[in-house]
């Protein structure tokens, strides 16, 4: 089985850092729980280009992004011993060295926890599905409907405020942490 694991929202809690920068820059008081849509920029009265400039700033220095689950390195190592695990992220290749440093810092190491780091552009939002994996671990709600049509693939939707309105059924399962991810993969 080939497994694609996302970075932001699954391994690194990028929205926490995003809110800190946005609040400082625009005098607001947003928290992660306020990000209730994938394209939250509209609700925060900024255009997508302006919103992504903050993401790019964070991508350039990924070391300050908090880690989501301390169990991830051990579980990913176990998964990579049995399956073909890659990290597949919508971060452009320009930021490869920054993300590698952050992953290494959090003990997510190439050839131990994963085989390959694949970085893609963020548009279209379902671009990851062009990569042929059997199972995706991701927080992106835009993957849900397309993957439901691909019966041979499975999505473990990592629970986040921006994917709460998603109905998980058929080949889409909601997971809340890395222990649940491991258990669901064993069940499949």
Protein backbone atom coordinates (compact mmCIF):
# COMPACT_ATOMS: atom_id res chain seq x y z
CA UNK A 1 0.00 0.00 0.00
CA UNK A 2 1.21 3.49 -0.87
CA UNK A 3 0.46 6.16 1.75
CA UNK A 4 0.62 9.95 1.29
CA UNK A 5 0.93 12.00 4.47
CA UNK A 6 0.32 15.74 4.50
CA UNK A 7 2.44 18.18 6.49
CA UNK A 8 0.37 21.23 7.43
CA UNK A 9 -2.60 20.35 9.59
CA UNK A 10 -1.42 16.74 10.01
CA UNK A 11 2.19 16.95 11.22
CA UNK A 12 2.73 20.68 11.77
CA UNK A 13 0.12 23.04 13.22
CA UNK A 14 0.75 25.88 10.77
CA UNK A 15 -2.48 27.76 11.47
CA UNK A 16 -1.34 28.53 15.03
CA UNK A 17 1.68 30.41 13.64
CA UNK A 18 -0.44 31.91 10.86
CA UNK A 19 -2.83 33.47 13.39
CA UNK A 20 0.06 34.97 15.38
CA UNK A 21 1.48 36.69 12.29
CA UNK A 22 -1.92 37.75 10.91
CA UNK A 23 -3.05 39.20 14.26
CA UNK A 24 0.17 41.17 14.69
CA UNK A 25 0.00 42.49 11.13
CA UNK A 26 -3.72 43.39 11.03
CA UNK A 27 -4.55 44.07 14.68
CA UNK A 28 -6.97 41.17 14.93
CA UNK A 29 -7.42 38.42 17.52
CA UNK A 30 -8.01 35.29 15.42
CA UNK A 31 -7.32 31.82 16.80
CA UNK A 32 -7.07 28.45 15.08
CA UNK A 33 -10.68 27.67 16.01
CA UNK A 34 -11.75 30.67 13.92
CA UNK A 35 -10.44 29.05 10.71
CA UNK A 36 -13.67 27.30 9.80
CA UNK A 37 -13.17 27.23 6.02
CA UNK A 38 -10.31 26.10 3.80
CA UNK A 39 -10.39 29.48 2.02
CA UNK A 40 -10.70 31.47 5.25
CA UNK A 41 -9.03 34.52 3.67
CA UNK A 42 -12.40 35.77 2.46
CA UNK A 43 -13.81 35.73 6.00
CA UNK A 44 -10.77 37.63 7.22
CA UNK A 45 -11.11 40.30 4.51
CA UNK A 46 -7.88 39.61 2.62
CA UNK A 47 -7.45 38.28 -0.88
CA UNK A 48 -5.83 34.89 -1.47
CA UNK A 49 -2.54 36.35 -2.72
CA UNK A 50 -2.16 38.43 0.44
CA UNK A 51 -3.15 35.46 2.58
CA UNK A 52 -0.62 33.19 0.91
CA UNK A 53 2.20 35.68 1.45
CA UNK A 54 1.92 34.85 5.14
CA UNK A 55 2.03 31.11 4.38
CA UNK A 56 5.15 31.64 2.25
CA UNK A 57 6.75 33.61 5.08
CA UNK A 58 6.07 30.71 7.45
CA UNK A 59 7.26 28.14 4.88
CA UNK A 60 10.59 29.97 4.64
CA UNK A 61 11.10 29.43 8.39
CA UNK A 62 9.19 26.25 9.25
CA UNK A 63 11.10 25.70 12.50
CA UNK A 64 8.69 27.89 14.46
CA UNK A 65 5.60 25.85 13.53
CA UNK A 66 4.39 23.70 16.44
CA UNK A 67 4.23 19.92 16.05
CA UNK A 68 0.74 18.37 16.19
CA UNK A 69 1.22 14.93 17.77
CA UNK A 70 4.29 13.52 19.50
CA UNK A 71 3.20 10.00 18.49
CA UNK A 72 3.62 10.72 14.77
CA UNK A 73 7.35 9.81 14.44
CA UNK A 74 6.99 6.38 16.06
CA UNK A 75 3.81 5.53 14.16
CA UNK A 76 5.19 6.76 10.84
CA UNK A 77 8.28 4.64 11.37
CA UNK A 78 6.12 1.54 11.94
CA UNK A 79 4.01 2.35 8.88
CA UNK A 80 7.07 2.92 6.70
CA UNK A 81 8.47 -0.49 7.70
CA UNK A 82 5.35 -2.16 6.24
CA UNK A 83 4.07 0.26 3.60
CA UNK A 84 5.47 2.79 1.14
CA UNK A 85 5.03 6.09 3.03
CA UNK A 86 5.70 9.45 1.40
CA UNK A 87 5.10 12.98 2.61
CA UNK A 88 3.04 14.81 0.01
CA UNK A 89 2.41 18.49 0.64
CA UNK A 90 1.04 21.53 -1.13
CA UNK A 91 4.23 23.48 -0.51
CA UNK A 92 6.20 24.56 -3.50
CA UNK A 93 9.70 23.06 -3.90
CA UNK A 94 11.33 26.41 -3.13
CA UNK A 95 10.75 25.65 0.58
CA UNK A 96 12.14 22.08 0.56
CA UNK A 97 15.17 22.79 2.75
CA UNK A 98 13.11 24.65 5.36
CA UNK A 99 10.54 21.89 5.66
CA UNK A 100 13.24 19.18 5.75
CA UNK A 101 14.90 20.96 8.69
CA UNK A 102 11.59 21.23 10.55
CA UNK A 103 10.68 17.59 9.90
CA UNK A 104 14.15 16.43 11.00
CA UNK A 105 13.86 18.57 14.13
CA UNK A 106 10.60 16.77 15.00
CA UNK A 107 12.20 13.38 14.31
CA UNK A 108 10.42 12.83 10.97
CA UNK A 109 13.39 11.54 8.99
CA UNK A 110 13.72 10.51 5.37
CA UNK A 111 14.20 6.73 4.92
CA UNK A 112 12.98 6.12 8.48
CA UNK A 113 9.53 7.73 8.79
CA UNK A 114 9.03 8.27 5.06
CA UNK A 115 10.59 7.44 1.70
CA UNK A 116 10.14 10.61 -0.31
CA UNK A 117 9.14 14.25 0.20
CA UNK A 118 6.89 15.38 -2.65
CA UNK A 119 6.02 19.07 -2.85
CA UNK A 120 3.24 20.34 -5.11
CA UNK A 121 1.58 23.67 -5.84
CA UNK A 122 -1.54 24.40 -3.75
CA UNK A 123 -3.81 24.74 -6.82
CA UNK A 124 -5.96 23.00 -7.74
CA UNK A 125 -6.84 22.03 -4.18
CA UNK A 126 -7.16 18.35 -5.13
CA UNK A 127 -3.82 18.17 -7.00
CA UNK A 128 -2.58 15.47 -4.62
CA UNK A 129 -4.99 13.02 -6.19
CA UNK A 130 -2.95 13.14 -9.39
CA UNK A 131 -0.30 11.34 -7.33
CA UNK A 132 -1.32 7.71 -7.23
CA UNK A 133 -1.57 6.70 -3.59
CA UNK A 134 -3.87 4.15 -2.03
CA UNK A 135 -4.34 6.10 1.18
CA UNK A 136 -4.08 9.80 2.02
CA UNK A 137 -3.75 11.28 5.50
CA UNK A 138 -4.79 14.89 5.03
CA UNK A 139 -6.84 17.73 6.52
CA UNK A 140 -7.92 19.20 3.16
CA UNK A 141 -11.73 19.09 2.82
CA UNK A 142 -11.36 19.57 -0.94
CA UNK A 143 -10.08 16.01 -1.26
CA UNK A 144 -13.23 14.43 0.13
CA UNK A 145 -15.68 14.50 -2.79
CA UNK A 146 -13.09 13.61 -5.47
CA UNK A 147 -11.78 10.70 -3.39
CA UNK A 148 -15.29 9.36 -2.78
CA UNK A 149 -15.44 8.82 -6.55
CA UNK A 150 -12.15 6.90 -6.48
CA UNK A 151 -13.34 3.76 -4.72
CA UNK A 152 -9.86 2.20 -4.73
CA UNK A 153 -8.46 5.03 -2.60
CA UNK A 154 -9.00 6.01 1.02
CA UNK A 155 -8.79 9.32 2.85
CA UNK A 156 -8.13 9.63 6.57
CA UNK A 157 -9.37 13.17 7.15
CA UNK A 158 -7.37 14.67 10.00
CA UNK A 159 -9.85 16.55 12.19
CA UNK A 160 -9.42 20.32 12.02
CA UNK A 161 -11.79 23.31 12.46
CA UNK A 162 -11.84 23.88 8.68
CA UNK A 163 -13.21 20.43 7.86
CA UNK A 164 -15.99 20.09 10.45
CA UNK A 165 -18.85 20.29 7.93
CA UNK A 166 -17.54 17.26 6.02
CA UNK A 167 -19.53 14.04 6.13
CA UNK A 168 -17.14 11.11 6.33
CA UNK A 169 -18.53 8.01 4.67
CA UNK A 170 -17.57 5.18 2.33
CA UNK A 171 -13.81 5.53 1.82
CA UNK A 172 -13.38 8.70 3.93
CA UNK A 173 -12.75 8.41 7.68
CA UNK A 174 -12.25 11.16 10.24
CA UNK A 175 -9.22 10.75 12.54
CA UNK A 176 -8.27 12.95 15.49
CA UNK A 177 -4.69 11.93 16.24
CA UNK A 178 -1.86 9.65 15.13
CA UNK A 179 -2.96 6.71 17.30
CA UNK A 180 -6.30 6.76 15.47
CA UNK A 181 -4.48 6.95 12.14
CA UNK A 182 -2.44 3.86 13.01
CA UNK A 183 -5.49 1.95 14.22
CA UNK A 184 -7.55 2.80 11.12
CA UNK A 185 -4.75 1.74 8.77
CA UNK A 186 -4.47 -1.59 10.62
CA UNK A 187 -8.23 -2.07 10.24
CA UNK A 188 -8.09 -1.38 6.52
